[in-house]
Structure formats: structure tokens, C-alpha cells
Amino acid sequence: FLLCILLLNDEKEGWLDVWRNLPNKEKEVINFRRLNLRK
């Protein structure tokens, strides 16, 4: 739920799909600095 809060709060859609498509080992270390690119 908290991950959804982080990834869905953007003018553009698609962050959650990006996360879903990551290999499992990378999902836990997703580079959240990229979230600064959001609007």
C-alpha cells in the first residue's frame, strides 16, 4: 500500500508498471532517487 502511494503519485502513469517488471532481486532496491523526477 505504501509502495503504491509512492509510485502512483505522479502526473504521468507507469511507475508501478516499471516496478512490477523489475527482477525480484531489484524490486527491493529500486532507485527511489528517480522519484524526484515526478510531478
All heavy atoms as atom14 arrays in JSON, in Angstrom:
{
  "sequence": "FLLCILLLNDEKEGWLDVWRNLPNKEKEVINFRRLNLRK",
  "atom14_mask": [
    [1, 1, 1, 1, 1, 1, 1, 1, 1, 1, 1, 0, 0, 0],
    [1, 1, 1, 1, 1, 1, 1, 1, 0, 0, 0, 0, 0, 0],
    [1, 1, 1, 1, 1, 1, 1, 1, 0, 0, 0, 0, 0, 0],
    [1, 1, 1, 1, 1, 1, 0, 0, 0, 0, 0, 0, 0, 0],
    [1, 1, 1, 1, 1, 1, 1, 1, 0, 0, 0, 0, 0, 0],
    [1, 1, 1, 1, 1, 1, 1, 1, 0, 0, 0, 0, 0, 0],
    [1, 1, 1, 1, 1, 1, 1, 1, 0, 0, 0, 0, 0, 0],
    [1, 1, 1, 1, 1, 1, 1, 1, 0, 0, 0, 0, 0, 0],
    [1, 1, 1, 1, 1, 1, 1, 1, 0, 0, 0, 0, 0, 0],
    [1, 1, 1, 1, 1, 1, 1, 1, 0, 0, 0, 0, 0, 0],
    [1, 1, 1, 1, 1, 1, 1, 1, 1, 0, 0, 0, 0, 0],
    [1, 1, 1, 1, 1, 1, 1, 1, 1, 0, 0, 0, 0, 0],
    [1, 1, 1, 1, 1, 1, 1, 1, 1, 0, 0, 0, 0, 0],
    [1, 1, 1, 1, 0, 0, 0, 0, 0, 0, 0, 0, 0, 0],
    [1, 1, 1, 1, 1, 1, 1, 1, 1, 1, 1, 1, 1, 1],
    [1, 1, 1, 1, 1, 1, 1, 1, 0, 0, 0, 0, 0, 0],
    [1, 1, 1, 1, 1, 1, 1, 1, 0, 0, 0, 0, 0, 0],
    [1, 1, 1, 1, 1, 1, 1, 0, 0, 0, 0, 0, 0, 0],
    [1, 1, 1, 1, 1, 1, 1, 1, 1, 1, 1, 1, 1, 1],
    [1, 1, 1, 1, 1, 1, 1, 1, 1, 1, 1, 0, 0, 0],
    [1, 1, 1, 1, 1, 1, 1, 1, 0, 0, 0, 0, 0, 0],
    [1, 1, 1, 1, 1, 1, 1, 1, 0, 0, 0, 0, 0, 0],
    [1, 1, 1, 1, 1, 1, 1, 0, 0, 0, 0, 0, 0, 0],
    [1, 1, 1, 1, 1, 1, 1, 1, 0, 0, 0, 0, 0, 0],
    [1, 1, 1, 1, 1, 1, 1, 1, 1, 0, 0, 0, 0, 0],
    [1, 1, 1, 1, 1, 1, 1, 1, 1, 0, 0, 0, 0, 0],
    [1, 1, 1, 1, 1, 1, 1, 1, 1, 0, 0, 0, 0, 0],
    [1, 1, 1, 1, 1, 1, 1, 1, 1, 0, 0, 0, 0, 0],
    [1, 1, 1, 1, 1, 1, 1, 0, 0, 0, 0, 0, 0, 0],
    [1, 1, 1, 1, 1, 1, 1, 1, 0, 0, 0, 0, 0, 0],
    [1, 1, 1, 1, 1, 1, 1, 1, 0, 0, 0, 0, 0, 0],
    [1, 1, 1, 1, 1, 1, 1, 1, 1, 1, 1, 0, 0, 0],
    [1, 1, 1, 1, 1, 1, 1, 1, 1, 1, 1, 0, 0, 0],
    [1, 1, 1, 1, 1, 1, 1, 1, 1, 1, 1, 0, 0, 0],
    [1, 1, 1, 1, 1, 1, 1, 1, 0, 0, 0, 0, 0, 0],
    [1, 1, 1, 1, 1, 1, 1, 1, 0, 0, 0, 0, 0, 0],
    [1, 1, 1, 1, 1, 1, 1, 1, 0, 0, 0, 0, 0, 0],
    [1, 1, 1, 1, 1, 1, 1, 1, 1, 1, 1, 0, 0, 0],
    [1, 1, 1, 1, 1, 1, 1, 1, 1, 0, 0, 0, 0, 0]
  ],
  "atom14_positions": [
    [[0.84, -1.2, 0.0], [0.0, 0.0, 0.0], [0.87, 1.25, 0.0], [0.62, 2.2, -0.76], [-0.91, -0.02, 1.22], [-1.99, 1.04, 1.22], [-3.07, 0.95, 0.37], [-1.92, 2.12, 2.09], [-4.07, 1.91, 0.37], [-2.91, 3.09, 2.11], [-4.0, 2.99, 1.25], [0.0, 0.0, 0.0], [0.0, 0.0, 0.0], [0.0, 0.0, 0.0]],
    [[1.91, 1.27, 0.83], [2.79, 2.43, 0.9], [3.61, 2.56, -0.39], [3.9, 3.68, -0.83], [3.71, 2.31, 2.12], [3.0, 2.33, 3.47], [4.01, 2.18, 4.61], [2.19, 3.61, 3.66], [0.0, 0.0, 0.0], [0.0, 0.0, 0.0], [0.0, 0.0, 0.0], [0.0, 0.0, 0.0], [0.0, 0.0, 0.0], [0.0, 0.0, 0.0]],
    [[3.98, 1.44, -0.99], [4.68, 1.49, -2.27], [3.78, 2.12, -3.34], [4.22, 2.93, -4.15], [5.08, 0.08, -2.7], [5.82, -0.02, -4.05], [7.23, 0.57, -3.93], [5.88, -1.45, -4.53], [0.0, 0.0, 0.0], [0.0, 0.0, 0.0], [0.0, 0.0, 0.0], [0.0, 0.0, 0.0], [0.0, 0.0, 0.0], [0.0, 0.0, 0.0]],
    [[2.5, 1.75, -3.32], [1.55, 2.34, -4.26], [1.45, 3.85, -4.04], [1.36, 4.61, -5.01], [0.17, 1.69, -4.09], [0.04, 0.02, -4.75], [0.0, 0.0, 0.0], [0.0, 0.0, 0.0], [0.0, 0.0, 0.0], [0.0, 0.0, 0.0], [0.0, 0.0, 0.0], [0.0, 0.0, 0.0], [0.0, 0.0, 0.0], [0.0, 0.0, 0.0]],
    [[1.45, 4.28, -2.79], [1.4, 5.71, -2.5], [2.59, 6.41, -3.16], [2.45, 7.47, -3.79], [1.4, 5.96, -0.99], [0.03, 5.6, -0.4], [1.74, 7.42, -0.67], [-0.04, 5.71, 1.11], [0.0, 0.0, 0.0], [0.0, 0.0, 0.0], [0.0, 0.0, 0.0], [0.0, 0.0, 0.0], [0.0, 0.0, 0.0], [0.0, 0.0, 0.0]],
    [[3.76, 5.84, -3.04], [4.97, 6.44, -3.62], [4.93, 6.45, -5.15], [5.25, 7.46, -5.78], [6.2, 5.68, -3.15], [6.72, 5.99, -1.75], [7.76, 4.95, -1.35], [7.33, 7.38, -1.68], [0.0, 0.0, 0.0], [0.0, 0.0, 0.0], [0.0, 0.0, 0.0], [0.0, 0.0, 0.0], [0.0, 0.0, 0.0], [0.0, 0.0, 0.0]],
    [[4.55, 5.34, -5.74], [4.7, 5.18, -7.18], [3.54, 5.74, -8.0], [3.7, 6.01, -9.19], [4.89, 3.7, -7.53], [6.14, 3.04, -6.95], [6.25, 1.6, -7.43], [7.4, 3.81, -7.34], [0.0, 0.0, 0.0], [0.0, 0.0, 0.0], [0.0, 0.0, 0.0], [0.0, 0.0, 0.0], [0.0, 0.0, 0.0], [0.0, 0.0, 0.0]],
    [[2.38, 5.91, -7.4], [1.22, 6.37, -8.15], [1.01, 7.87, -8.07], [0.16, 8.42, -8.76], [-0.05, 5.65, -7.66], [-0.06, 4.14, -7.85], [-1.29, 3.53, -7.2], [-0.02, 3.79, -9.33], [0.0, 0.0, 0.0], [0.0, 0.0, 0.0], [0.0, 0.0, 0.0], [0.0, 0.0, 0.0], [0.0, 0.0, 0.0], [0.0, 0.0, 0.0]],
    [[1.8, 8.54, -7.23], [1.63, 9.98, -7.05], [2.46, 10.74, -8.08], [3.48, 11.35, -7.78], [2.05, 10.37, -5.63], [1.78, 11.83, -5.33], [1.01, 12.49, -6.02], [2.41, 12.34, -4.28], [0.0, 0.0, 0.0], [0.0, 0.0, 0.0], [0.0, 0.0, 0.0], [0.0, 0.0, 0.0], [0.0, 0.0, 0.0], [0.0, 0.0, 0.0]],
    [[2.0, 10.71, -9.31], [2.71, 11.37, -10.41], [1.7, 11.77, -11.47], [0.69, 11.07, -11.69], [3.75, 10.42, -11.01], [4.65, 11.1, -12.03], [4.64, 12.34, -12.08], [5.33, 10.39, -12.78], [0.0, 0.0, 0.0], [0.0, 0.0, 0.0], [0.0, 0.0, 0.0], [0.0, 0.0, 0.0], [0.0, 0.0, 0.0], [0.0, 0.0, 0.0]],
    [[1.97, 12.9, -12.12], [1.08, 13.36, -13.19], [0.99, 12.31, -14.29], [-0.05, 12.11, -14.91], [1.59, 14.69, -13.76], [0.65, 15.35, -14.73], [1.19, 16.69, -15.21], [2.28, 16.69, -15.82], [0.54, 17.72, -14.96], [0.0, 0.0, 0.0], [0.0, 0.0, 0.0], [0.0, 0.0, 0.0], [0.0, 0.0, 0.0], [0.0, 0.0, 0.0]],
    [[2.13, 11.63, -14.56], [2.15, 10.57, -15.55], [1.97, 9.22, -14.87], [2.39, 9.02, -13.74], [3.47, 10.6, -16.32], [3.68, 11.87, -17.12], [5.01, 11.82, -17.86], [5.22, 13.09, -18.67], [6.52, 13.08, -19.4], [0.0, 0.0, 0.0], [0.0, 0.0, 0.0], [0.0, 0.0, 0.0], [0.0, 0.0, 0.0], [0.0, 0.0, 0.0]],
    [[1.36, 8.3, -15.58], [1.19, 6.96, -15.05], [2.35, 6.06, -15.51], [3.04, 6.38, -16.47], [-0.15, 6.38, -15.51], [-1.35, 7.2, -15.04], [-2.66, 6.52, -15.39], [-2.83, 5.36, -14.98], [-3.48, 7.16, -16.07], [0.0, 0.0, 0.0], [0.0, 0.0, 0.0], [0.0, 0.0, 0.0], [0.0, 0.0, 0.0], [0.0, 0.0, 0.0]],
    [[2.53, 4.94, -14.83], [3.5, 3.97, -15.3], [4.56, 3.54, -14.31], [5.24, 2.53, -14.52], [0.0, 0.0, 0.0], [0.0, 0.0, 0.0], [0.0, 0.0, 0.0], [0.0, 0.0, 0.0], [0.0, 0.0, 0.0], [0.0, 0.0, 0.0], [0.0, 0.0, 0.0], [0.0, 0.0, 0.0], [0.0, 0.0, 0.0], [0.0, 0.0, 0.0]],
    [[4.73, 4.28, -13.21], [5.78, 3.91, -12.25], [5.54, 2.53, -11.65], [6.49, 1.76, -11.46], [5.85, 4.94, -11.13], [6.56, 6.2, -11.52], [6.01, 7.32, -12.07], [7.95, 6.48, -11.39], [6.97, 8.27, -12.29], [8.16, 7.78, -11.89], [9.03, 5.75, -10.92], [9.43, 8.38, -11.91], [10.29, 6.34, -10.94], [10.48, 7.64, -11.44]],
    [[4.29, 2.21, -11.34], [4.01, 0.9, -10.75], [4.29, -0.21, -11.74], [4.78, -1.28, -11.37], [2.55, 0.85, -10.27], [2.18, -0.32, -9.36], [3.05, -0.35, -8.11], [0.7, -0.26, -8.96], [0.0, 0.0, 0.0], [0.0, 0.0, 0.0], [0.0, 0.0, 0.0], [0.0, 0.0, 0.0], [0.0, 0.0, 0.0], [0.0, 0.0, 0.0]],
    [[4.01, 0.02, -13.02], [4.32, -0.98, -14.05], [5.83, -1.19, -14.18], [6.29, -2.31, -14.36], [3.75, -0.53, -15.41], [2.24, -0.57, -15.44], [1.67, -1.4, -14.71], [1.64, 0.23, -16.19], [0.0, 0.0, 0.0], [0.0, 0.0, 0.0], [0.0, 0.0, 0.0], [0.0, 0.0, 0.0], [0.0, 0.0, 0.0], [0.0, 0.0, 0.0]],
    [[6.59, -0.1, -14.08], [8.05, -0.22, -14.12], [8.52, -1.11, -12.98], [9.36, -2.0, -13.15], [8.72, 1.17, -14.02], [10.22, 1.04, -13.8], [8.43, 1.98, -15.29], [0.0, 0.0, 0.0], [0.0, 0.0, 0.0], [0.0, 0.0, 0.0], [0.0, 0.0, 0.0], [0.0, 0.0, 0.0], [0.0, 0.0, 0.0], [0.0, 0.0, 0.0]],
    [[7.98, -0.88, -11.78], [8.37, -1.67, -10.61], [7.98, -3.14, -10.8], [8.78, -4.04, -10.5], [7.7, -1.11, -9.36], [8.02, -1.88, -8.12], [9.11, -1.76, -7.32], [7.2, -2.92, -7.53], [9.05, -2.64, -6.27], [7.9, -3.37, -6.38], [5.99, -3.5, -7.86], [7.39, -4.37, -5.57], [5.48, -4.51, -7.05], [6.19, -4.93, -5.91]],
    [[6.79, -3.4, -11.31], [6.33, -4.78, -11.5], [7.26, -5.54, -12.44], [7.47, -6.74, -12.29], [4.91, -4.8, -12.07], [3.8, -4.41, -11.11], [2.47, -4.84, -11.68], [1.35, -4.27, -10.94], [0.65, -3.22, -11.34], [0.96, -2.6, -12.47], [-0.36, -2.77, -10.63], [0.0, 0.0, 0.0], [0.0, 0.0, 0.0], [0.0, 0.0, 0.0]],
    [[7.81, -4.85, -13.43], [8.63, -5.51, -14.44], [10.09, -5.69, -14.03], [10.87, -6.29, -14.77], [8.55, -4.73, -15.76], [7.17, -4.82, -16.39], [6.5, -5.84, -16.29], [6.75, -3.73, -17.04], [0.0, 0.0, 0.0], [0.0, 0.0, 0.0], [0.0, 0.0, 0.0], [0.0, 0.0, 0.0], [0.0, 0.0, 0.0], [0.0, 0.0, 0.0]],
    [[10.46, -5.16, -12.88], [11.82, -5.34, -12.4], [12.03, -6.78, -11.94], [11.11, -7.43, -11.43], [12.11, -4.41, -11.23], [12.29, -2.92, -11.52], [12.41, -2.16, -10.2], [13.52, -2.68, -12.37], [0.0, 0.0, 0.0], [0.0, 0.0, 0.0], [0.0, 0.0, 0.0], [0.0, 0.0, 0.0], [0.0, 0.0, 0.0], [0.0, 0.0, 0.0]],
    [[13.24, -7.32, -12.08], [13.53, -8.63, -11.47], [13.3, -8.56, -9.96], [13.49, -7.5, -9.35], [15.02, -8.83, -11.79], [15.29, -7.95, -12.96], [14.38, -6.75, -12.79], [0.0, 0.0, 0.0], [0.0, 0.0, 0.0], [0.0, 0.0, 0.0], [0.0, 0.0, 0.0], [0.0, 0.0, 0.0], [0.0, 0.0, 0.0], [0.0, 0.0, 0.0]],
    [[12.89, -9.65, -9.37], [12.56, -9.65, -7.94], [13.69, -9.1, -7.08], [13.46, -8.38, -6.11], [12.19, -11.07, -7.48], [10.83, -11.49, -7.98], [9.98, -10.65, -8.25], [10.63, -12.79, -8.12], [0.0, 0.0, 0.0], [0.0, 0.0, 0.0], [0.0, 0.0, 0.0], [0.0, 0.0, 0.0], [0.0, 0.0, 0.0], [0.0, 0.0, 0.0]],
    [[14.92, -9.45, -7.42], [16.04, -9.01, -6.59], [16.24, -7.5, -6.65], [16.87, -6.91, -5.76], [17.33, -9.73, -7.01], [17.81, -9.4, -8.41], [19.09, -10.16, -8.72], [19.6, -9.82, -10.12], [20.86, -10.54, -10.44], [0.0, 0.0, 0.0], [0.0, 0.0, 0.0], [0.0, 0.0, 0.0], [0.0, 0.0, 0.0], [0.0, 0.0, 0.0]],
    [[15.71, -6.86, -7.71], [15.87, -5.42, -7.84], [14.7, -4.64, -7.25], [14.8, -3.45, -7.01], [16.05, -5.04, -9.32], [17.33, -5.54, -9.93], [17.49, -5.06, -11.37], [16.88, -4.03, -11.7], [18.2, -5.73, -12.13], [0.0, 0.0, 0.0], [0.0, 0.0, 0.0], [0.0, 0.0, 0.0], [0.0, 0.0, 0.0], [0.0, 0.0, 0.0]],
    [[13.59, -5.31, -7.03], [12.41, -4.61, -6.52], [12.65, -4.03, -5.14], [12.08, -3.0, -4.77], [11.21, -5.56, -6.49], [10.64, -5.85, -7.86], [9.42, -6.74, -7.78], [8.85, -6.95, -9.18], [7.66, -7.83, -9.17], [0.0, 0.0, 0.0], [0.0, 0.0, 0.0], [0.0, 0.0, 0.0], [0.0, 0.0, 0.0], [0.0, 0.0, 0.0]],
    [[13.49, -4.69, -4.36], [13.74, -4.22, -3.01], [14.74, -3.08, -2.97], [14.87, -2.41, -1.95], [14.24, -5.38, -2.14], [13.2, -6.47, -1.95], [13.7, -7.58, -1.05], [14.84, -7.45, -0.55], [12.97, -8.56, -0.86], [0.0, 0.0, 0.0], [0.0, 0.0, 0.0], [0.0, 0.0, 0.0], [0.0, 0.0, 0.0], [0.0, 0.0, 0.0]],
    [[15.45, -2.86, -4.06], [16.47, -1.81, -4.06], [16.21, -0.8, -5.19], [17.12, -0.21, -5.73], [17.89, -2.4, -4.22], [18.27, -3.2, -3.0], [17.98, -3.26, -5.48], [0.0, 0.0, 0.0], [0.0, 0.0, 0.0], [0.0, 0.0, 0.0], [0.0, 0.0, 0.0], [0.0, 0.0, 0.0], [0.0, 0.0, 0.0], [0.0, 0.0, 0.0]],
    [[14.93, -0.63, -5.55], [14.58, 0.32, -6.6], [15.15, 1.69, -6.25], [15.16, 2.11, -5.09], [13.04, 0.4, -6.77], [12.7, 1.32, -7.94], [12.37, 0.86, -5.51], [11.22, 1.3, -8.3], [0.0, 0.0, 0.0], [0.0, 0.0, 0.0], [0.0, 0.0, 0.0], [0.0, 0.0, 0.0], [0.0, 0.0, 0.0], [0.0, 0.0, 0.0]],
    [[15.7, 2.36, -7.24], [16.35, 3.65, -7.02], [15.3, 4.74, -6.85], [14.81, 5.32, -7.81], [17.26, 3.98, -8.22], [18.05, 5.25, -8.0], [17.89, 5.94, -6.99], [18.92, 5.56, -8.94], [0.0, 0.0, 0.0], [0.0, 0.0, 0.0], [0.0, 0.0, 0.0], [0.0, 0.0, 0.0], [0.0, 0.0, 0.0], [0.0, 0.0, 0.0]],
    [[14.96, 5.01, -5.6], [13.89, 5.97, -5.34], [14.33, 7.41, -5.61], [13.51, 8.31, -5.55], [13.41, 5.82, -3.89], [12.51, 4.64, -3.7], [12.98, 3.48, -3.13], [11.2, 4.7, -4.12], [12.15, 2.38, -2.97], [10.36, 3.61, -3.97], [10.84, 2.44, -3.39], [0.0, 0.0, 0.0], [0.0, 0.0, 0.0], [0.0, 0.0, 0.0]],
    [[15.61, 7.61, -5.91], [16.02, 8.96, -6.31], [15.3, 9.38, -7.59], [15.08, 10.56, -7.84], [17.53, 9.02, -6.51], [18.32, 8.85, -5.22], [19.81, 8.9, -5.49], [20.57, 8.69, -4.26], [21.89, 8.6, -4.21], [22.59, 8.7, -5.33], [22.51, 8.41, -3.06], [0.0, 0.0, 0.0], [0.0, 0.0, 0.0], [0.0, 0.0, 0.0]],
    [[14.94, 8.38, -8.39], [14.22, 8.69, -9.62], [12.86, 9.3, -9.33], [12.27, 9.96, -10.19], [14.05, 7.4, -10.45], [15.36, 6.84, -10.99], [15.12, 5.54, -11.72], [14.22, 5.71, -12.85], [13.62, 4.69, -13.47], [13.84, 3.45, -13.05], [12.82, 4.9, -14.48], [0.0, 0.0, 0.0], [0.0, 0.0, 0.0], [0.0, 0.0, 0.0]],
    [[12.35, 9.09, -8.12], [11.07, 9.67, -7.77], [11.12, 11.19, -7.79], [10.09, 11.86, -7.89], [10.61, 9.17, -6.39], [10.34, 7.67, -6.28], [9.95, 7.32, -4.86], [9.25, 7.25, -7.25], [0.0, 0.0, 0.0], [0.0, 0.0, 0.0], [0.0, 0.0, 0.0], [0.0, 0.0, 0.0], [0.0, 0.0, 0.0], [0.0, 0.0, 0.0]],
    [[12.32, 11.75, -7.68], [12.46, 13.21, -7.74], [12.11, 13.75, -9.12], [11.91, 14.96, -9.28], [13.88, 13.63, -7.36], [14.19, 13.35, -5.91], [13.31, 13.39, -5.05], [15.44, 13.04, -5.62], [0.0, 0.0, 0.0], [0.0, 0.0, 0.0], [0.0, 0.0, 0.0], [0.0, 0.0, 0.0], [0.0, 0.0, 0.0], [0.0, 0.0, 0.0]],
    [[12.04, 12.88, -10.1], [11.69, 13.3, -11.45], [10.19, 13.43, -11.63], [9.73, 13.94, -12.66], [12.23, 12.28, -12.47], [13.74, 12.03, -12.45], [14.08, 10.9, -13.43], [14.49, 13.3, -12.8], [0.0, 0.0, 0.0], [0.0, 0.0, 0.0], [0.0, 0.0, 0.0], [0.0, 0.0, 0.0], [0.0, 0.0, 0.0], [0.0, 0.0, 0.0]],
    [[9.44, 13.01, -10.66], [7.99, 13.04, -10.77], [7.43, 14.47, -10.69], [8.08, 15.39, -10.18], [7.34, 12.23, -9.64], [7.62, 10.74, -9.67], [7.03, 10.09, -8.44], [7.51, 10.72, -7.22], [6.94, 10.6, -6.03], [5.85, 9.87, -5.9], [7.44, 11.18, -4.97], [0.0, 0.0, 0.0], [0.0, 0.0, 0.0], [0.0, 0.0, 0.0]],
    [[6.2, 14.61, -11.13], [5.42, 15.81, -10.89], [4.22, 15.35, -10.07], [3.2, 14.94, -10.62], [4.97, 16.46, -12.19], [4.31, 17.83, -11.97], [3.96, 18.5, -13.28], [3.35, 19.88, -13.0], [2.96, 20.56, -14.28], [0.0, 0.0, 0.0], [0.0, 0.0, 0.0], [0.0, 0.0, 0.0], [0.0, 0.0, 0.0], [0.0, 0.0, 0.0]]
  ]
}
